[in-house]
Structures are given as C-alpha cells and as structure tokens.
Amino acid sequence: MKIQGWNVKPTMPKGWNDAEGPLADDIRVETMVATKNNQRVVLHRVVKTNPDGTEEVFIIKATPQMLKTDH
C-alpha cells in the first residue's frame, strides 16, 4: 500500500502463548514498515479503547537509528 509516496507493509504480528494471553484487553498495537527514497521508518499504530467505548489512536514513529539506541 502507498501513503503519500511511502510504501507501507504491515509486519507479522507476534503472538502470545495461551497461558499468557494478551498484555491488555483495551490496547491493540499494529506495526508496519514504511520506506521511501532509501529511508525506512517503523510505525506503531496503538489503539486504546476507553471504558465508555470510545477509541484513542496514537502513531509512534521509530527510525533505525532510534531502534539502535541502548536504553
């Protein structure tokens, strides 16, 4: 898929084992990689469902340089 000149591909979601289950029922994270002009960016789309049923959406961007940072 292309968005504003960026080629965007979703990554395969990492599963969890049946004993652990998801970390939270009210938060979903979808990760995708966007490329353009030899630039690569990892995007995380986070959807948080509030108790009243409304959703908040956050987009978090991580470049390869940011991913190499030792925290």
N, C-alpha and C. Protein backbone atom coordinates (compact mmCIF):
# COMPACT_ATOMS: atom_id res chain seq x y z
N MET A 1 0.85 -1.15 0.00
CA MET A 1 0.00 0.00 0.00
C MET A 1 0.91 1.23 0.00
N LYS A 2 0.48 2.31 -0.65
CA LYS A 2 1.23 3.56 -0.67
C LYS A 2 0.43 4.65 0.03
N ILE A 3 1.13 5.40 0.89
CA ILE A 3 0.52 6.54 1.57
C ILE A 3 1.48 7.71 1.42
N GLN A 4 1.06 8.76 0.73
CA GLN A 4 1.86 9.96 0.48
C GLN A 4 3.27 9.62 0.02
N GLY A 5 3.39 8.71 -0.94
CA GLY A 5 4.67 8.35 -1.51
C GLY A 5 5.45 7.31 -0.73
N TRP A 6 4.99 6.92 0.44
CA TRP A 6 5.65 5.90 1.26
C TRP A 6 5.05 4.55 0.93
N ASN A 7 5.90 3.53 0.74
CA ASN A 7 5.45 2.15 0.60
C ASN A 7 5.29 1.59 2.02
N VAL A 8 4.10 1.14 2.34
CA VAL A 8 3.81 0.69 3.71
C VAL A 8 3.45 -0.79 3.67
N LYS A 9 4.15 -1.58 4.52
CA LYS A 9 3.87 -3.01 4.63
C LYS A 9 3.68 -3.36 6.10
N PRO A 10 2.58 -4.03 6.43
CA PRO A 10 2.42 -4.47 7.82
C PRO A 10 3.38 -5.60 8.14
N THR A 11 3.78 -5.68 9.38
CA THR A 11 4.62 -6.78 9.82
C THR A 11 3.72 -7.89 10.34
N MET A 12 4.29 -9.07 10.45
CA MET A 12 3.53 -10.18 11.00
C MET A 12 3.39 -9.96 12.51
N PRO A 13 2.17 -10.02 13.03
CA PRO A 13 2.02 -9.81 14.47
C PRO A 13 2.66 -10.95 15.26
N LYS A 14 3.29 -10.58 16.35
CA LYS A 14 3.86 -11.60 17.23
C LYS A 14 2.75 -12.07 18.15
N GLY A 15 2.60 -13.35 18.23
CA GLY A 15 1.56 -13.91 19.08
C GLY A 15 2.02 -14.09 20.50
N TRP A 16 1.14 -14.58 21.29
CA TRP A 16 1.45 -14.90 22.67
C TRP A 16 0.97 -16.31 22.90
N ASN A 17 1.49 -16.94 23.93
CA ASN A 17 1.03 -18.30 24.16
C ASN A 17 -0.30 -18.26 24.93
N ASP A 18 -1.02 -19.34 24.92
CA ASP A 18 -2.36 -19.38 25.52
C ASP A 18 -2.34 -19.13 27.02
N ALA A 19 -1.24 -19.49 27.68
CA ALA A 19 -1.17 -19.29 29.13
C ALA A 19 -1.05 -17.81 29.49
N GLU A 20 -0.32 -17.04 28.67
CA GLU A 20 -0.11 -15.62 28.95
C GLU A 20 -1.29 -14.76 28.51
N GLY A 21 -1.78 -14.98 27.31
CA GLY A 21 -2.82 -14.13 26.77
C GLY A 21 -2.25 -12.78 26.38
N PRO A 22 -3.10 -11.86 25.88
CA PRO A 22 -2.60 -10.54 25.52
C PRO A 22 -2.22 -9.75 26.78
N LEU A 23 -1.36 -8.75 26.61
CA LEU A 23 -0.94 -7.96 27.75
C LEU A 23 -2.08 -7.09 28.28
N ALA A 24 -2.97 -6.62 27.39
CA ALA A 24 -4.10 -5.80 27.80
C ALA A 24 -5.26 -6.02 26.85
N ASP A 25 -6.47 -6.04 27.38
CA ASP A 25 -7.65 -6.21 26.53
C ASP A 25 -8.06 -4.91 25.85
N ASP A 26 -7.66 -3.77 26.42
CA ASP A 26 -8.12 -2.49 25.90
C ASP A 26 -7.10 -1.78 25.01
N ILE A 27 -5.96 -2.43 24.70
CA ILE A 27 -4.94 -1.81 23.86
C ILE A 27 -4.53 -2.78 22.76
N ARG A 28 -4.52 -2.28 21.50
CA ARG A 28 -4.07 -3.06 20.35
C ARG A 28 -2.92 -2.30 19.69
N VAL A 29 -1.91 -3.03 19.24
CA VAL A 29 -0.77 -2.42 18.56
C VAL A 29 -0.59 -3.10 17.21
N GLU A 30 -0.54 -2.30 16.16
CA GLU A 30 -0.26 -2.80 14.81
C GLU A 30 1.04 -2.14 14.36
N THR A 31 1.98 -2.94 13.89
CA THR A 31 3.29 -2.42 13.49
C THR A 31 3.44 -2.55 11.98
N MET A 32 4.00 -1.51 11.36
CA MET A 32 4.23 -1.53 9.92
C MET A 32 5.55 -0.85 9.61
N VAL A 33 6.10 -1.17 8.45
CA VAL A 33 7.36 -0.57 7.99
C VAL A 33 7.04 0.27 6.76
N ALA A 34 7.50 1.53 6.77
CA ALA A 34 7.29 2.43 5.64
C ALA A 34 8.66 2.75 5.03
N THR A 35 8.75 2.70 3.69
CA THR A 35 10.01 3.02 3.00
C THR A 35 9.75 4.05 1.91
N LYS A 36 10.75 4.93 1.72
CA LYS A 36 10.67 5.95 0.67
C LYS A 36 12.08 6.50 0.48
N ASN A 37 12.56 6.53 -0.77
CA ASN A 37 13.88 7.07 -1.09
C ASN A 37 14.98 6.51 -0.18
N ASN A 38 15.02 5.21 -0.04
CA ASN A 38 16.01 4.51 0.79
C ASN A 38 15.94 4.88 2.27
N GLN A 39 14.84 5.44 2.71
CA GLN A 39 14.60 5.70 4.12
C GLN A 39 13.65 4.64 4.63
N ARG A 40 13.84 4.20 5.85
CA ARG A 40 12.96 3.21 6.43
C ARG A 40 12.52 3.69 7.81
N VAL A 41 11.22 3.58 8.07
CA VAL A 41 10.66 4.01 9.33
C VAL A 41 9.72 2.92 9.82
N VAL A 42 9.78 2.63 11.11
CA VAL A 42 8.86 1.67 11.72
C VAL A 42 7.75 2.48 12.40
N LEU A 43 6.50 2.16 12.09
CA LEU A 43 5.36 2.85 12.68
C LEU A 43 4.56 1.87 13.53
N HIS A 44 4.20 2.33 14.71
CA HIS A 44 3.33 1.54 15.59
C HIS A 44 2.02 2.30 15.72
N ARG A 45 0.92 1.66 15.34
CA ARG A 45 -0.40 2.27 15.50
C ARG A 45 -1.01 1.65 16.75
N VAL A 46 -1.22 2.47 17.76
CA VAL A 46 -1.73 2.00 19.04
C VAL A 46 -3.17 2.48 19.18
N VAL A 47 -4.09 1.55 19.43
CA VAL A 47 -5.49 1.89 19.62
C VAL A 47 -5.87 1.51 21.04
N LYS A 48 -6.28 2.51 21.81
CA LYS A 48 -6.70 2.28 23.19
C LYS A 48 -8.20 2.46 23.27
N THR A 49 -8.90 1.45 23.79
CA THR A 49 -10.35 1.52 23.96
C THR A 49 -10.65 1.96 25.38
N ASN A 50 -11.36 3.08 25.50
CA ASN A 50 -11.73 3.63 26.80
C ASN A 50 -12.93 2.88 27.37
N PRO A 51 -13.17 2.99 28.68
CA PRO A 51 -14.30 2.30 29.29
C PRO A 51 -15.66 2.68 28.68
N ASP A 52 -15.77 3.92 28.15
CA ASP A 52 -17.04 4.34 27.54
C ASP A 52 -17.20 3.88 26.10
N GLY A 53 -16.22 3.11 25.58
CA GLY A 53 -16.30 2.56 24.23
C GLY A 53 -15.61 3.40 23.17
N THR A 54 -15.21 4.62 23.49
CA THR A 54 -14.50 5.45 22.52
C THR A 54 -13.07 4.93 22.37
N GLU A 55 -12.46 5.27 21.25
CA GLU A 55 -11.09 4.82 20.98
C GLU A 55 -10.16 6.01 20.81
N GLU A 56 -8.95 5.87 21.31
CA GLU A 56 -7.89 6.84 21.09
C GLU A 56 -6.84 6.15 20.23
N VAL A 57 -6.35 6.85 19.20
CA VAL A 57 -5.36 6.28 18.29
C VAL A 57 -4.08 7.11 18.38
N PHE A 58 -2.96 6.42 18.56
CA PHE A 58 -1.64 7.05 18.64
C PHE A 58 -0.77 6.42 17.56
N ILE A 59 0.03 7.24 16.90
CA ILE A 59 1.02 6.75 15.94
C ILE A 59 2.40 7.04 16.52
N ILE A 60 3.21 6.01 16.68
CA ILE A 60 4.56 6.16 17.21
C ILE A 60 5.54 5.80 16.10
N LYS A 61 6.49 6.71 15.83
CA LYS A 61 7.46 6.51 14.75
C LYS A 61 8.81 6.16 15.36
N ALA A 62 9.48 5.18 14.76
CA ALA A 62 10.82 4.79 15.20
C ALA A 62 11.69 4.60 13.96
N THR A 63 12.80 5.33 13.91
CA THR A 63 13.75 5.17 12.81
C THR A 63 14.77 4.11 13.20
N PRO A 64 15.50 3.55 12.25
CA PRO A 64 16.52 2.55 12.59
C PRO A 64 17.54 3.09 13.60
N GLN A 65 17.88 4.39 13.52
CA GLN A 65 18.82 4.98 14.48
C GLN A 65 18.22 4.94 15.89
N MET A 66 16.92 5.22 16.00
CA MET A 66 16.25 5.18 17.31
C MET A 66 16.20 3.77 17.85
N LEU A 67 16.03 2.79 16.96
CA LEU A 67 15.94 1.40 17.40
C LEU A 67 17.27 0.89 17.90
N LYS A 68 18.38 1.48 17.43
CA LYS A 68 19.71 1.05 17.86
C LYS A 68 20.10 1.64 19.21
N THR A 69 19.33 2.61 19.71
CA THR A 69 19.65 3.27 20.97
C THR A 69 19.57 2.27 22.11
N ASP A 70 20.60 2.27 22.95
CA ASP A 70 20.64 1.38 24.10
C ASP A 70 19.97 2.07 25.27
N HIS A 71 18.80 1.60 25.67
CA HIS A 71 18.05 2.23 26.76
C HIS A 71 18.41 1.61 28.07
